[in-house]
Amino acid sequence: MSSATLADLSDTLVWLAVLSYVVAAPLLGLELAYRSRWAGRAGVAVAIAGLAANLGAALTRGLAAGRVPWGNMYEYSMMVAAVVVTGWLVWVARRREVRPLGLFVLLLAALAIAAAALTLRVPAGPLVPALNSGWIKVHVVAAIIGTATLSLSSVFSALYLVAERNERRAAPRPPLVAGGARTADRAEVDEAIAGYAVEELEATEAAEAPATGRRLKDLLPPAARLDDLAFRTTAFGFPIWTFAIRAQSAWGRYWGWDPKETWSFITWVVYAAYLHARATAGWRGRSAAWVSVLGLVAFVVNFYVVNTWVVGLHSYAK
């Protein structure tokens, strides 16, 4: 095939991957809402097909350009989406209860690819001489894996915040003790006790009710499970991201304080703070999870604001 044909095939496969992810997400949503296992299995199958199209788009793009397919932000976004979906599939193989969470992961991947295809796409071509080195292959691969795994961990942290808030609200509150009648009107005490009884009954009914009538926050896995997923995923991705931001010889220097490197360091600090907060008893739970979500925001600013409008690194290729 000619380079032009391969580039056109890559563009077709990109949108096929987006379509597959968008179709798979509602199927996994059916499993989340209705506990429909067949829908979950079908969603995983469609997601795997989308991942194959995603990787095929990257491969044909690389063949068309005659280089590795991560030379600009369009290709970088394509690869990050593939690694995010792969990471979710790895967790699905280990823990089946993670499967319905693909609803959120696949929508994030589809959004990343579609946004890049619409706003960051550049024609396939060779790298500029300054970036045409063997070391950049290692540097960018580490950045892709680090970005994808840490973003996945932030999705788990965001879902943890929703589940934890729901569990905290659903926790039964003890009724007023008898001594409360000394400082409150008796009618208010009776009303408080009656309200407690109603809350307890509603909590019992919600636990026994079928999934069809429950809200999203009631359908998520336990908050402790989501917290564990976020921590384990961050612990895996953080060393890789550390290596990526230190691998600066691709730029001809050990370190510099340009906007891209500065925001990469800021992102590193945020996730380092998350790991420290997660390991400190006083910062477990919501506080640590919010730090992780802030890390995802830092990634978005770094790759889709700084790279695009500040230093213009979305157009490495000629």
Protein backbone atom coordinates (compact mmCIF):
# COMPACT_ATOMS: atom_id res chain seq x y z
CA MET A 1 0.00 0.00 0.00
CA SER A 2 1.06 3.56 -0.58
CA SER A 3 1.60 5.99 2.26
CA ALA A 4 -1.56 7.89 1.34
CA THR A 5 -3.64 4.70 1.37
CA LEU A 6 -2.23 3.70 4.74
CA ALA A 7 -2.97 7.15 6.16
CA ASP A 8 -6.57 6.97 4.92
CA LEU A 9 -6.92 3.48 6.42
CA SER A 10 -5.59 4.79 9.71
CA ASP A 11 -8.19 7.59 9.75
CA THR A 12 -10.95 5.05 9.06
CA LEU A 13 -9.76 2.76 11.85
CA VAL A 14 -9.60 5.68 14.28
CA TRP A 15 -13.30 6.42 13.85
CA LEU A 16 -14.11 2.71 13.91
CA ALA A 17 -12.38 2.53 17.30
CA VAL A 18 -14.39 5.53 18.54
CA LEU A 19 -17.62 3.93 17.32
CA SER A 20 -16.77 0.61 18.98
CA TYR A 21 -16.00 2.27 22.31
CA VAL A 22 -19.22 4.29 22.14
CA VAL A 23 -21.25 1.14 21.39
CA ALA A 24 -19.52 -0.92 24.09
CA ALA A 25 -20.06 1.72 26.80
CA PRO A 26 -23.91 1.47 26.89
CA LEU A 27 -23.69 -2.33 26.92
CA LEU A 28 -21.53 -2.13 30.02
CA GLY A 29 -23.96 0.46 31.37
CA LEU A 30 -26.72 -2.15 31.05
CA GLU A 31 -24.69 -4.51 33.17
CA LEU A 32 -24.08 -1.77 35.72
CA ALA A 33 -27.75 -0.80 35.92
CA TYR A 34 -29.51 -4.14 35.44
CA ARG A 35 -26.84 -6.70 36.37
CA SER A 36 -27.13 -8.11 32.85
CA ARG A 37 -24.12 -10.35 32.38
CA TRP A 38 -24.76 -10.98 28.69
CA ALA A 39 -24.61 -7.23 28.06
CA GLY A 40 -21.34 -7.03 30.00
CA ARG A 41 -19.79 -9.84 27.98
CA ALA A 42 -20.98 -8.26 24.74
CA GLY A 43 -19.56 -4.92 25.86
CA VAL A 44 -16.16 -6.45 26.52
CA ALA A 45 -16.20 -8.16 23.11
CA VAL A 46 -17.03 -4.89 21.32
CA ALA A 47 -14.40 -3.05 23.39
CA ILE A 48 -11.77 -5.61 22.36
CA ALA A 49 -12.75 -5.07 18.72
CA GLY A 50 -12.42 -1.34 19.28
CA LEU A 51 -9.00 -1.82 20.84
CA ALA A 52 -7.92 -3.84 17.78
CA ALA A 53 -9.09 -0.98 15.54
CA ASN A 54 -7.30 1.51 17.83
CA LEU A 55 -4.01 -0.39 17.58
CA GLY A 56 -4.53 -0.92 13.84
CA ALA A 57 -4.96 2.82 13.39
CA ALA A 58 -1.69 3.44 15.21
CA LEU A 59 0.13 0.76 13.19
CA THR A 60 -1.04 2.00 9.80
CA ARG A 61 -0.30 5.58 10.84
CA GLY A 62 3.25 4.57 11.71
CA LEU A 63 3.70 2.73 8.41
CA ALA A 64 2.37 5.73 6.50
CA ALA A 65 4.77 8.09 8.27
CA GLY A 66 7.71 5.67 8.22
CA ARG A 67 8.34 6.01 11.98
CA VAL A 68 6.92 5.13 15.40
CA PRO A 69 3.27 6.29 15.71
CA TRP A 70 3.65 8.71 18.60
CA GLY A 71 5.31 11.74 17.06
CA ASN A 72 2.56 14.30 17.78
CA MET A 73 -0.36 14.86 20.14
CA TYR A 74 -2.88 13.25 17.77
CA GLU A 75 -0.92 10.00 17.74
CA TYR A 76 -0.10 10.34 21.44
CA SER A 77 -3.81 10.58 22.31
CA MET A 78 -4.52 7.55 20.16
CA MET A 79 -1.92 5.49 22.03
CA VAL A 80 -3.00 6.72 25.48
CA ALA A 81 -6.58 5.65 24.74
CA ALA A 82 -5.35 2.19 23.70
CA VAL A 83 -3.34 1.77 26.90
CA VAL A 84 -6.22 3.01 29.09
CA VAL A 85 -8.57 0.42 27.56
CA THR A 86 -5.89 -2.27 27.88
CA GLY A 87 -5.42 -1.40 31.55
CA TRP A 88 -9.17 -1.71 32.16
CA LEU A 89 -9.23 -5.10 30.40
CA VAL A 90 -6.36 -6.31 32.60
CA TRP A 91 -8.37 -5.37 35.70
CA VAL A 92 -11.46 -7.08 34.23
CA ALA A 93 -9.47 -10.31 33.89
CA ARG A 94 -8.44 -10.05 37.55
CA ARG A 95 -11.68 -8.73 39.09
CA ARG A 96 -15.00 -9.21 37.32
CA GLU A 97 -16.72 -6.47 39.32
CA VAL A 98 -14.55 -3.92 37.46
CA ARG A 99 -16.19 -4.83 34.13
CA PRO A 100 -19.22 -2.47 34.36
CA LEU A 101 -16.87 0.44 35.14
CA GLY A 102 -15.80 0.22 31.50
CA LEU A 103 -18.78 2.53 30.86
CA PHE A 104 -16.69 5.43 32.18
CA VAL A 105 -13.31 4.22 30.89
CA LEU A 106 -14.49 3.67 27.31
CA LEU A 107 -16.28 7.01 27.11
CA LEU A 108 -13.09 8.71 28.30
CA ALA A 109 -11.05 6.86 25.65
CA ALA A 110 -13.54 7.68 22.90
CA LEU A 111 -13.57 11.35 23.92
CA ALA A 112 -9.76 11.52 23.91
CA ILE A 113 -9.49 10.03 20.42
CA ALA A 114 -12.37 12.01 18.92
CA ALA A 115 -11.14 15.31 20.35
CA ALA A 116 -7.62 14.65 19.04
CA ALA A 117 -8.91 13.63 15.60
CA LEU A 118 -11.00 16.79 15.33
CA THR A 119 -8.54 19.33 16.73
CA LEU A 120 -5.00 17.91 16.81
CA ARG A 121 -4.68 15.83 13.66
CA VAL A 122 -1.74 16.57 11.37
CA PRO A 123 -0.76 14.80 8.12
CA ALA A 124 1.45 11.74 8.49
CA GLY A 125 5.09 12.67 8.01
CA PRO A 126 8.61 12.33 9.40
CA LEU A 127 9.75 13.81 12.68
CA VAL A 128 11.69 17.03 12.84
CA PRO A 129 15.46 16.31 13.10
CA ALA A 130 15.66 17.42 16.75
CA LEU A 131 13.29 14.63 17.79
CA ASN A 132 14.49 11.94 15.42
CA SER A 133 16.44 9.87 17.94
CA GLY A 134 16.22 6.38 19.37
CA TRP A 135 15.89 7.68 22.91
CA ILE A 136 12.57 9.42 22.20
CA LYS A 137 11.00 6.00 21.56
CA VAL A 138 11.73 5.00 25.15
CA HIS A 139 10.80 8.40 26.57
CA VAL A 140 7.42 8.67 24.85
CA VAL A 141 6.47 5.02 25.47
CA ALA A 142 7.05 5.60 29.18
CA ALA A 143 5.01 8.82 29.01
CA ILE A 144 2.14 7.04 27.24
CA ILE A 145 1.99 4.18 29.76
CA GLY A 146 2.37 6.55 32.71
CA THR A 147 -0.31 8.92 31.44
CA ALA A 148 -2.77 6.12 30.70
CA THR A 149 -2.39 4.24 33.99
CA LEU A 150 -2.49 7.36 36.16
CA SER A 151 -5.55 8.66 34.28
CA LEU A 152 -7.24 5.29 34.85
CA SER A 153 -6.45 5.53 38.56
CA SER A 154 -8.03 9.00 38.66
CA VAL A 155 -11.22 7.60 37.11
CA PHE A 156 -11.33 5.02 39.92
CA SER A 157 -10.78 7.81 42.47
CA ALA A 158 -13.63 9.89 41.01
CA LEU A 159 -15.95 6.89 41.22
CA TYR A 160 -14.74 6.28 44.77
CA LEU A 161 -15.86 9.78 45.76
CA VAL A 162 -19.36 9.05 44.46
CA ALA A 163 -19.57 5.64 46.17
CA GLU A 164 -18.11 6.91 49.44
CA ARG A 165 -20.55 9.82 49.60
CA ASN A 166 -23.46 7.45 49.05
CA GLU A 167 -22.26 5.03 51.74
CA ARG A 168 -21.73 7.88 54.18
CA ARG A 169 -25.26 9.17 53.62
CA ALA A 170 -26.74 5.69 53.90
CA ALA A 171 -25.02 4.94 57.21
CA PRO A 172 -27.67 4.76 59.99
CA ARG A 173 -27.60 7.55 62.55
CA PRO A 174 -28.46 6.71 66.17
CA PRO A 175 -31.66 8.19 67.59
CA LEU A 176 -31.59 10.85 70.27
CA VAL A 177 -30.90 9.48 73.72
CA ALA A 178 -33.37 9.95 76.54
CA GLY A 179 -31.32 12.80 77.96
CA GLY A 180 -32.10 14.77 74.83
CA ALA A 181 -35.57 15.44 76.19
CA ARG A 182 -34.05 17.74 78.74
CA THR A 183 -32.94 20.20 76.08
CA ALA A 184 -35.48 19.58 73.30
CA ASP A 185 -39.20 19.57 73.08
CA ARG A 186 -40.73 16.09 73.40
CA ALA A 187 -42.45 16.41 70.05
CA GLU A 188 -39.12 17.11 68.38
CA VAL A 189 -37.62 14.03 70.02
CA ASP A 190 -40.47 11.86 68.77
CA GLU A 191 -40.12 13.34 65.30
CA ALA A 192 -36.38 12.65 65.28
CA ILE A 193 -36.93 9.03 66.35
CA ALA A 194 -39.63 8.57 63.71
CA GLY A 195 -37.35 10.10 61.08
CA TYR A 196 -34.57 7.72 62.06
CA ALA A 197 -36.95 4.77 61.71
CA VAL A 198 -37.99 5.94 58.23
CA GLU A 199 -34.36 6.36 57.15
CA GLU A 200 -33.51 2.89 58.41
CA LEU A 201 -36.50 1.42 56.54
CA GLU A 202 -35.55 3.24 53.33
CA ALA A 203 -31.98 1.98 53.58
CA THR A 204 -33.24 -1.59 54.01
CA GLU A 205 -35.61 -1.27 51.07
CA ALA A 206 -32.86 0.20 48.89
CA ALA A 207 -30.58 -2.72 49.71
CA GLU A 208 -33.30 -5.24 48.86
CA ALA A 209 -34.64 -3.45 45.78
CA PRO A 210 -33.69 -4.67 42.30
CA ALA A 211 -31.02 -2.73 40.44
CA THR A 212 -33.54 -1.39 37.93
CA GLY A 213 -34.85 1.27 40.27
CA ARG A 214 -31.61 2.43 41.80
CA ARG A 215 -29.46 5.40 40.93
CA LEU A 216 -25.94 5.26 39.52
CA LYS A 217 -24.27 5.93 42.86
CA ASP A 218 -26.09 2.90 44.33
CA LEU A 219 -24.78 0.60 41.59
CA LEU A 220 -21.05 1.17 42.02
CA PRO A 221 -18.76 -1.33 43.76
CA PRO A 222 -17.96 -0.67 47.43
CA ALA A 223 -15.95 2.50 48.03
CA ALA A 224 -13.15 0.52 49.68
CA ARG A 225 -12.77 -1.59 46.54
CA LEU A 226 -12.57 1.48 44.30
CA ASP A 227 -10.03 3.07 46.65
CA ASP A 228 -7.89 -0.05 46.43
CA LEU A 229 -8.11 -0.08 42.61
CA ALA A 230 -7.06 3.57 42.45
CA PHE A 231 -4.11 3.04 44.79
CA ARG A 232 -2.81 -0.09 43.05
CA THR A 233 -3.10 1.49 39.59
CA THR A 234 -1.31 4.64 40.75
CA ALA A 235 1.44 2.60 42.40
CA PHE A 236 2.05 0.89 39.06
CA GLY A 237 1.98 4.00 36.86
CA PHE A 238 3.80 6.50 39.07
CA PRO A 239 7.35 5.03 38.69
CA ILE A 240 6.85 4.86 34.92
CA TRP A 241 5.77 8.50 34.81
CA THR A 242 8.77 9.39 36.98
CA PHE A 243 11.07 7.75 34.44
CA ALA A 244 9.30 9.54 31.58
CA ILE A 245 9.79 13.06 32.94
CA ARG A 246 13.43 12.34 33.80
CA ALA A 247 14.21 10.96 30.33
CA GLN A 248 15.02 14.40 28.96
CA SER A 249 18.06 13.60 26.83
CA ALA A 250 15.66 13.44 23.87
CA TRP A 251 15.55 17.24 24.13
CA GLY A 252 19.33 17.55 24.26
CA ARG A 253 19.50 18.43 27.97
CA TYR A 254 19.00 16.83 31.37
CA TRP A 255 16.28 19.26 32.49
CA GLY A 256 14.80 22.61 31.55
CA TRP A 257 12.02 24.78 32.88
CA ASP A 258 9.97 25.25 29.72
CA PRO A 259 6.16 25.04 30.12
CA LYS A 260 5.87 21.39 29.08
CA GLU A 261 8.52 20.15 31.48
CA THR A 262 7.18 22.35 34.26
CA TRP A 263 3.63 20.99 33.92
CA SER A 264 4.97 17.43 33.71
CA PHE A 265 6.72 18.06 37.01
CA ILE A 266 3.55 19.58 38.51
CA THR A 267 1.63 16.45 37.51
CA TRP A 268 4.32 14.29 39.09
CA VAL A 269 4.07 16.28 42.34
CA VAL A 270 0.29 15.84 42.44
CA TYR A 271 0.45 12.06 42.12
CA ALA A 272 3.36 11.90 44.56
CA ALA A 273 1.15 13.82 46.99
CA TYR A 274 -1.64 11.30 46.38
CA LEU A 275 0.59 8.34 47.23
CA HIS A 276 1.82 10.14 50.34
CA ALA A 277 -1.73 11.09 51.34
CA ARG A 278 -2.98 7.56 50.68
CA ALA A 279 -0.24 6.13 52.91
CA THR A 280 -0.93 8.60 55.72
CA ALA A 281 -3.78 7.68 58.06
CA GLY A 282 -5.05 11.23 58.38
CA TRP A 283 -5.37 11.71 54.59
CA ARG A 284 -6.96 8.42 53.53
CA GLY A 285 -10.24 8.40 51.70
CA ARG A 286 -11.83 11.53 50.27
CA SER A 287 -8.84 13.84 50.71
CA ALA A 288 -6.50 11.50 48.85
CA ALA A 289 -9.09 10.83 46.13
CA TRP A 290 -9.51 14.54 45.43
CA VAL A 291 -5.74 14.82 44.98
CA SER A 292 -5.89 12.01 42.40
CA VAL A 293 -8.69 13.76 40.51
CA LEU A 294 -6.57 16.93 40.52
CA GLY A 295 -3.84 14.87 38.84
CA LEU A 296 -6.17 14.07 35.94
CA VAL A 297 -6.92 17.79 35.59
CA ALA A 298 -3.16 18.47 35.50
CA PHE A 299 -2.77 15.91 32.70
CA VAL A 300 -5.51 17.58 30.65
CA VAL A 301 -3.89 21.00 31.10
CA ASN A 302 -0.44 19.62 30.28
CA PHE A 303 -1.31 17.72 27.11
CA TYR A 304 -4.23 19.66 25.68
CA VAL A 305 -3.53 23.23 26.78
CA VAL A 306 0.23 23.61 27.22
CA ASN A 307 1.16 21.37 24.27
CA THR A 308 -1.39 22.93 21.95
CA TRP A 309 -1.50 26.64 22.74
CA VAL A 310 1.69 27.33 24.71
CA VAL A 311 4.58 25.47 23.10
CA GLY A 312 2.89 23.97 20.02
CA LEU A 313 4.22 20.43 20.49
CA HIS A 314 1.16 18.98 18.72
CA SER A 315 2.98 19.33 15.39
CA TYR A 316 6.26 17.48 15.69
CA ALA A 317 5.93 16.06 12.20
CA LYS A 318 6.79 18.03 9.11
